[in-house]
């Protein structure tokens, strides 16, 4: 029918019926089925008056809270006793039964890989690394996991042992295309993502999941957490060996802040839309990208 406001707003596509105090007159003139209240949070006294006015008529009252400018498309409304609770971002992946299902998938799939593939592939990769480059077989690095808990992640070493991981300004040096720090075998391992295989040990330990937001090194986390919108939301869940961002092309170097933002947007979408079938799809897409070649794998 129209809207009431203490001042007429030309940009609203509707009929202006008067000020809020004139609600009683509007309701008395004819049948109004619903009154939708969209007052700002500071107008609680006005909200109470509107509700009492509607209660004197046969009118349903609905409220659009001013909090909805903060919520995502996957919000949830529940009750805590008599009080409604608005969860601004639903992440059912953290509900106990779904966490148990995801953990069961991770553990079962990883165990099969160890028994069928890793038992012979890992020694072969280790031998190639040892024969072509001095240094350890594995590369260990501190990264952040679920709830910001730090853990040590493992990879097959793909870089020279005497290279720097931060520049003269203390900024983390991400791997670039044709990076001189990468060894000959390392290029092959990184191109095929085989360097990531030791992270399945992190999966068995429960520090990572097969699918989830990729964990970043501590220096990169510190650089990004206050610059990239919703960056820390990704730490609501376990990090993954592969993820929704990676199968959508957002892997590799993120020197441009917009690229990092797109990666984080994909990570948040994954958290809000998680399902076991989505995990299976991401695993299959990851295998397909390894077979066909990923231009951002270097």
Protein backbone atom coordinates (compact mmCIF):
# COMPACT_ATOMS: atom_id res chain seq x y z
CA UNK A 1 0.00 0.00 0.00
CA UNK A 2 2.82 2.37 0.81
CA UNK A 3 5.20 3.44 3.56
CA UNK A 4 5.40 5.78 6.51
CA UNK A 5 8.45 7.76 7.48
CA UNK A 6 9.13 10.92 9.44
CA UNK A 7 10.41 12.44 6.19
CA UNK A 8 9.33 11.58 2.66
CA UNK A 9 12.03 9.72 0.73
CA UNK A 10 11.79 10.25 -3.02
CA UNK A 11 14.10 7.31 -3.80
CA UNK A 12 11.70 4.76 -2.29
CA UNK A 13 9.55 3.14 -4.93
CA UNK A 14 6.22 3.35 -3.12
CA UNK A 15 3.38 5.59 -1.98
CA UNK A 16 4.20 7.92 0.90
CA UNK A 17 1.40 7.62 3.44
CA UNK A 18 2.65 10.05 6.08
CA UNK A 19 4.73 10.14 9.22
CA UNK A 20 5.14 7.17 11.57
CA UNK A 21 2.85 8.78 14.14
CA UNK A 22 0.05 8.64 11.53
CA UNK A 23 0.05 4.82 11.52
CA UNK A 24 -3.12 4.73 13.64
CA UNK A 25 -5.02 6.75 11.00
CA UNK A 26 -3.74 4.56 8.14
CA UNK A 27 -4.77 1.35 9.91
CA UNK A 28 -8.21 2.80 10.72
CA UNK A 29 -8.92 3.76 7.09
CA UNK A 30 -8.92 0.21 5.75
CA UNK A 31 -7.72 -3.36 6.08
CA UNK A 32 -3.96 -3.72 6.35
CA UNK A 33 -2.72 -7.31 6.51
CA UNK A 34 0.91 -6.70 7.39
CA UNK A 35 3.06 -3.94 8.80
CA UNK A 36 6.76 -4.42 8.13
CA UNK A 37 9.00 -2.46 10.47
CA UNK A 38 12.40 -1.44 9.11
CA UNK A 39 13.50 1.09 11.69
CA UNK A 40 17.16 1.66 12.61
CA UNK A 41 18.49 0.16 15.85
CA UNK A 42 18.52 3.50 17.66
CA UNK A 43 14.73 3.89 17.22
CA UNK A 44 13.68 1.26 19.77
CA UNK A 45 11.11 3.55 21.39
CA UNK A 46 9.46 4.17 18.01
CA UNK A 47 9.44 0.43 17.31
CA UNK A 48 7.57 -0.24 20.55
CA UNK A 49 4.95 2.39 19.70
CA UNK A 50 4.42 0.93 16.21
CA UNK A 51 3.93 -2.58 17.62
CA UNK A 52 1.42 -1.39 20.23
CA UNK A 53 -0.50 0.49 17.53
CA UNK A 54 -0.66 -2.63 15.34
CA UNK A 55 -1.82 -4.73 18.28
CA UNK A 56 -4.93 -2.53 18.51
CA UNK A 57 -5.84 -3.61 14.98
CA UNK A 58 -6.06 -6.92 13.12
CA UNK A 59 -2.58 -6.51 11.70
CA UNK A 60 0.41 -8.81 11.56
CA UNK A 61 3.76 -7.29 12.48
CA UNK A 62 7.02 -8.26 10.82
CA UNK A 63 10.44 -6.79 11.60
CA UNK A 64 13.47 -6.37 9.37
CA UNK A 65 16.32 -5.93 11.88
CA UNK A 66 18.90 -3.29 11.12
CA UNK A 67 21.55 -5.99 11.63
CA UNK A 68 20.96 -7.50 8.20
CA UNK A 69 23.50 -5.18 6.62
CA UNK A 70 26.10 -7.29 8.40
CA UNK A 71 24.86 -10.78 7.51
CA UNK A 72 25.78 -12.97 4.56
CA UNK A 73 23.30 -14.72 2.28
CA UNK A 74 23.73 -17.82 4.49
CA UNK A 75 22.48 -16.34 7.75
CA UNK A 76 20.53 -18.38 10.28
CA UNK A 77 17.86 -17.45 12.83
CA UNK A 78 17.44 -19.65 15.90
CA UNK A 79 16.01 -19.29 19.40
CA UNK A 80 17.90 -19.08 22.68
CA UNK A 81 15.06 -19.52 25.16
CA UNK A 82 12.70 -16.64 24.29
CA UNK A 83 15.38 -14.69 22.42
CA UNK A 84 15.95 -14.89 18.67
CA UNK A 85 19.59 -15.31 17.70
CA UNK A 86 20.81 -14.17 14.28
CA UNK A 87 23.88 -16.04 13.10
CA UNK A 88 25.38 -13.74 10.47
CA UNK A 89 27.21 -16.54 8.67
CA UNK A 90 26.07 -20.17 8.79
CA UNK A 91 28.84 -22.77 8.79
CA UNK A 92 27.21 -26.16 9.20
CA UNK A 93 30.61 -27.71 8.49
CA UNK A 94 31.30 -27.07 12.20
CA UNK A 95 28.24 -28.94 13.45
CA UNK A 96 29.39 -32.08 15.26
CA UNK A 97 27.77 -34.72 13.03
CA UNK A 98 29.01 -33.03 9.84
CA UNK A 99 32.50 -32.65 11.29
CA UNK A 100 32.51 -36.37 12.11
CA UNK A 101 31.38 -37.22 8.56
CA UNK A 102 34.05 -34.99 7.02
CA UNK A 103 36.70 -36.44 9.33
CA UNK A 104 35.63 -39.97 8.40
CA UNK A 105 35.97 -39.13 4.69
CA UNK A 106 39.40 -37.58 5.28
CA UNK A 107 40.72 -40.50 7.32
CA UNK A 108 39.33 -43.23 5.05
CA UNK A 109 40.44 -41.63 1.79
CA UNK A 110 43.91 -40.83 3.15
CA UNK A 111 44.40 -44.36 4.49
CA UNK A 112 43.60 -45.79 1.04
CA UNK A 113 46.11 -43.45 -0.60
CA UNK A 114 48.83 -44.54 1.83
CA UNK A 115 48.15 -48.24 1.24
CA UNK A 116 47.77 -48.09 -2.54
CA UNK A 117 49.95 -45.19 -3.75
CA UNK A 118 52.10 -43.46 -1.16
CA UNK A 119 53.81 -46.68 -0.07
CA UNK A 120 55.78 -46.72 -3.35
CA UNK A 121 55.46 -43.13 -4.65
CA UNK A 122 56.93 -41.34 -1.63
CA UNK A 123 60.24 -43.27 -1.62
CA UNK A 124 60.58 -42.61 -5.37
CA UNK A 125 60.06 -38.85 -4.95
CA UNK A 126 62.40 -38.77 -1.94
CA UNK A 127 65.13 -40.51 -3.96
CA UNK A 128 64.80 -38.01 -6.83
CA UNK A 129 65.08 -35.07 -4.43
CA UNK A 130 68.16 -36.53 -2.75
CA UNK A 131 69.92 -37.31 -6.03
CA UNK A 132 69.38 -33.88 -7.58
CA UNK A 133 69.65 -31.39 -4.72
CA UNK A 134 71.53 -31.30 -1.39
CA UNK A 135 69.33 -30.94 1.66
CA UNK A 136 66.41 -32.61 3.41
CA UNK A 137 63.62 -34.41 1.58
CA UNK A 138 60.84 -32.62 3.44
CA UNK A 139 60.17 -28.92 3.88
CA UNK A 140 58.51 -27.92 7.15
CA UNK A 141 56.75 -24.61 7.76
CA UNK A 142 54.53 -23.06 10.42
CA UNK A 143 51.02 -22.29 9.25
CA UNK A 144 47.70 -21.39 10.85
CA UNK A 145 44.85 -23.86 11.17
CA UNK A 146 41.37 -23.98 12.62
CA UNK A 147 40.77 -21.37 15.34
CA UNK A 148 44.17 -19.82 14.48
CA UNK A 149 46.06 -22.73 16.02
CA UNK A 150 49.58 -22.94 14.65
CA UNK A 151 50.88 -26.25 13.32
CA UNK A 152 53.78 -27.51 11.22
CA UNK A 153 52.87 -28.44 7.66
CA UNK A 154 54.95 -30.80 5.50
CA UNK A 155 55.82 -30.69 1.82
CA UNK A 156 58.38 -32.35 -0.41
CA UNK A 157 61.19 -29.82 -0.65
CA UNK A 158 61.04 -28.06 -4.02
CA UNK A 159 63.40 -25.15 -3.37
CA UNK A 160 67.09 -24.78 -2.65
CA UNK A 161 68.02 -24.88 1.02
CA UNK A 162 69.97 -21.61 1.01
CA UNK A 163 67.19 -19.34 -0.31
CA UNK A 164 65.30 -16.67 1.62
CA UNK A 165 61.58 -16.83 2.35
CA UNK A 166 61.26 -13.12 3.22
CA UNK A 167 62.64 -10.06 1.42
CA UNK A 168 64.74 -7.22 2.86
CA UNK A 169 61.54 -5.53 4.13
CA UNK A 170 60.46 -8.66 5.97
CA UNK A 171 57.64 -9.37 3.51
CA UNK A 172 56.94 -13.00 2.68
CA UNK A 173 58.32 -13.98 -0.74
CA UNK A 174 55.70 -16.02 -2.56
CA UNK A 175 56.82 -18.45 -5.26
CA UNK A 176 56.79 -16.79 -8.67
CA UNK A 177 56.76 -18.15 -12.20
CA UNK A 178 60.31 -19.24 -13.12
CA UNK A 179 61.39 -18.63 -9.53
CA UNK A 180 65.18 -19.19 -9.33
CA UNK A 181 64.79 -20.70 -5.86
CA UNK A 182 62.94 -23.73 -7.27
CA UNK A 183 65.04 -26.81 -8.11
CA UNK A 184 64.72 -28.83 -11.32
CA UNK A 185 62.81 -31.63 -9.58
CA UNK A 186 60.93 -28.99 -7.62
CA UNK A 187 59.46 -27.54 -10.83
CA UNK A 188 58.04 -30.94 -11.72
CA UNK A 189 56.71 -31.51 -8.22
CA UNK A 190 55.05 -28.08 -8.05
CA UNK A 191 53.61 -28.34 -11.56
CA UNK A 192 51.95 -31.66 -10.69
CA UNK A 193 51.18 -30.67 -7.07
CA UNK A 194 53.10 -33.74 -5.88
CA UNK A 195 55.01 -31.53 -3.46
CA UNK A 196 51.79 -31.26 -1.41
CA UNK A 197 51.46 -35.01 -0.77
CA UNK A 198 53.16 -35.01 2.67
CA UNK A 199 50.31 -32.85 3.92
CA UNK A 200 48.22 -36.00 3.99
CA UNK A 201 50.21 -36.72 7.15
CA UNK A 202 48.72 -33.50 8.55
CA UNK A 203 45.30 -34.87 7.54
CA UNK A 204 45.89 -38.09 9.49
CA UNK A 205 46.97 -36.04 12.51
CA UNK A 206 43.73 -34.07 12.31
CA UNK A 207 45.42 -30.72 11.66
CA UNK A 208 44.18 -30.45 8.07
CA UNK A 209 41.39 -31.73 5.88
CA UNK A 210 41.64 -32.95 2.29
CA UNK A 211 39.42 -30.06 1.19
CA UNK A 212 39.37 -26.63 2.79
CA UNK A 213 40.96 -23.18 2.56
CA UNK A 214 44.67 -23.50 1.80
CA UNK A 215 46.80 -22.72 4.88
CA UNK A 216 49.13 -19.76 4.47
CA UNK A 217 52.55 -19.28 6.11
CA UNK A 218 52.52 -17.19 9.28
CA UNK A 219 54.13 -14.09 7.68
CA UNK A 220 51.51 -14.07 4.90
CA UNK A 221 48.71 -14.42 7.45
CA UNK A 222 50.02 -11.47 9.44
CA UNK A 223 50.30 -9.37 6.26
CA UNK A 224 46.81 -10.21 5.04
CA UNK A 225 44.55 -10.45 8.10
CA UNK A 226 44.01 -6.69 8.44
CA UNK A 227 44.08 -5.88 4.73
CA UNK A 228 41.85 -8.51 3.12
CA UNK A 229 38.10 -8.48 3.84
CA UNK A 230 36.90 -11.57 5.78
CA UNK A 231 40.42 -13.06 5.68
CA UNK A 232 40.24 -14.58 9.16
CA UNK A 233 36.86 -16.24 8.50
CA UNK A 234 38.78 -18.99 6.67
CA UNK A 235 40.21 -20.07 10.04
CA UNK A 236 36.78 -21.17 11.24
CA UNK A 237 37.50 -24.54 9.61
CA UNK A 238 40.45 -26.85 9.09
CA UNK A 239 42.69 -25.87 6.18
CA UNK A 240 42.81 -28.19 3.19
CA UNK A 241 45.27 -29.69 0.74
CA UNK A 242 43.01 -28.43 -2.02
CA UNK A 243 40.04 -26.11 -2.01
CA UNK A 244 37.28 -24.32 -3.88
CA UNK A 245 39.54 -21.36 -4.60
CA UNK A 246 42.24 -23.60 -6.11
CA UNK A 247 39.93 -25.47 -8.50
CA UNK A 248 38.58 -22.09 -9.63
CA UNK A 249 42.04 -20.91 -10.63
CA UNK A 250 42.98 -18.89 -7.55
CA UNK A 251 46.21 -20.57 -6.56
CA UNK A 252 49.84 -19.58 -6.78
CA UNK A 253 51.16 -16.05 -6.29
CA UNK A 254 48.80 -13.37 -4.93
CA UNK A 255 50.95 -10.23 -5.09
CA UNK A 256 47.89 -8.29 -6.24
CA UNK A 257 45.54 -7.76 -3.27
CA UNK A 258 42.53 -8.28 -5.55
CA UNK A 259 43.70 -11.82 -6.31
CA UNK A 260 44.00 -12.60 -2.62
CA UNK A 261 40.52 -11.13 -2.07
CA UNK A 262 39.06 -13.41 -4.75
CA UNK A 263 40.74 -16.40 -3.13
CA UNK A 264 39.27 -15.47 0.25
CA UNK A 265 35.83 -14.88 -1.30
CA UNK A 266 35.97 -18.42 -2.68
CA UNK A 267 37.09 -19.79 0.69
CA UNK A 268 34.19 -18.08 2.50
CA UNK A 269 31.75 -19.36 -0.14
CA UNK A 270 33.03 -22.88 0.50
CA UNK A 271 32.54 -22.56 4.26
CA UNK A 272 28.98 -21.27 3.82
CA UNK A 273 27.99 -23.86 1.19
CA UNK A 274 29.88 -26.95 2.35
CA UNK A 275 28.57 -30.44 1.69
CA UNK A 276 30.29 -33.81 1.40
CA UNK A 277 29.32 -33.91 -2.28
CA UNK A 278 31.02 -30.55 -2.77
CA UNK A 279 34.21 -32.01 -1.25
CA UNK A 280 34.02 -34.96 -3.67
CA UNK A 281 33.56 -32.58 -6.60
CA UNK A 282 36.57 -30.51 -5.54
CA UNK A 283 38.74 -33.63 -5.24
CA UNK A 284 37.71 -34.74 -8.74
CA UNK A 285 38.29 -31.24 -10.18
CA UNK A 286 41.72 -31.16 -8.51
CA UNK A 287 42.70 -34.45 -10.13
CA UNK A 288 41.46 -33.14 -13.48
CA UNK A 289 43.52 -29.96 -13.14
CA UNK A 290 46.63 -32.01 -12.30
CA UNK A 291 46.11 -34.14 -15.41
CA UNK A 292 45.36 -31.23 -17.77
CA UNK A 293 47.84 -28.83 -16.19
CA UNK A 294 47.20 -25.75 -14.07
CA UNK A 295 48.81 -22.53 -15.43
CA UNK A 296 49.06 -21.18 -11.87
CA UNK A 297 51.00 -24.22 -10.60
CA UNK A 298 54.63 -23.13 -10.35
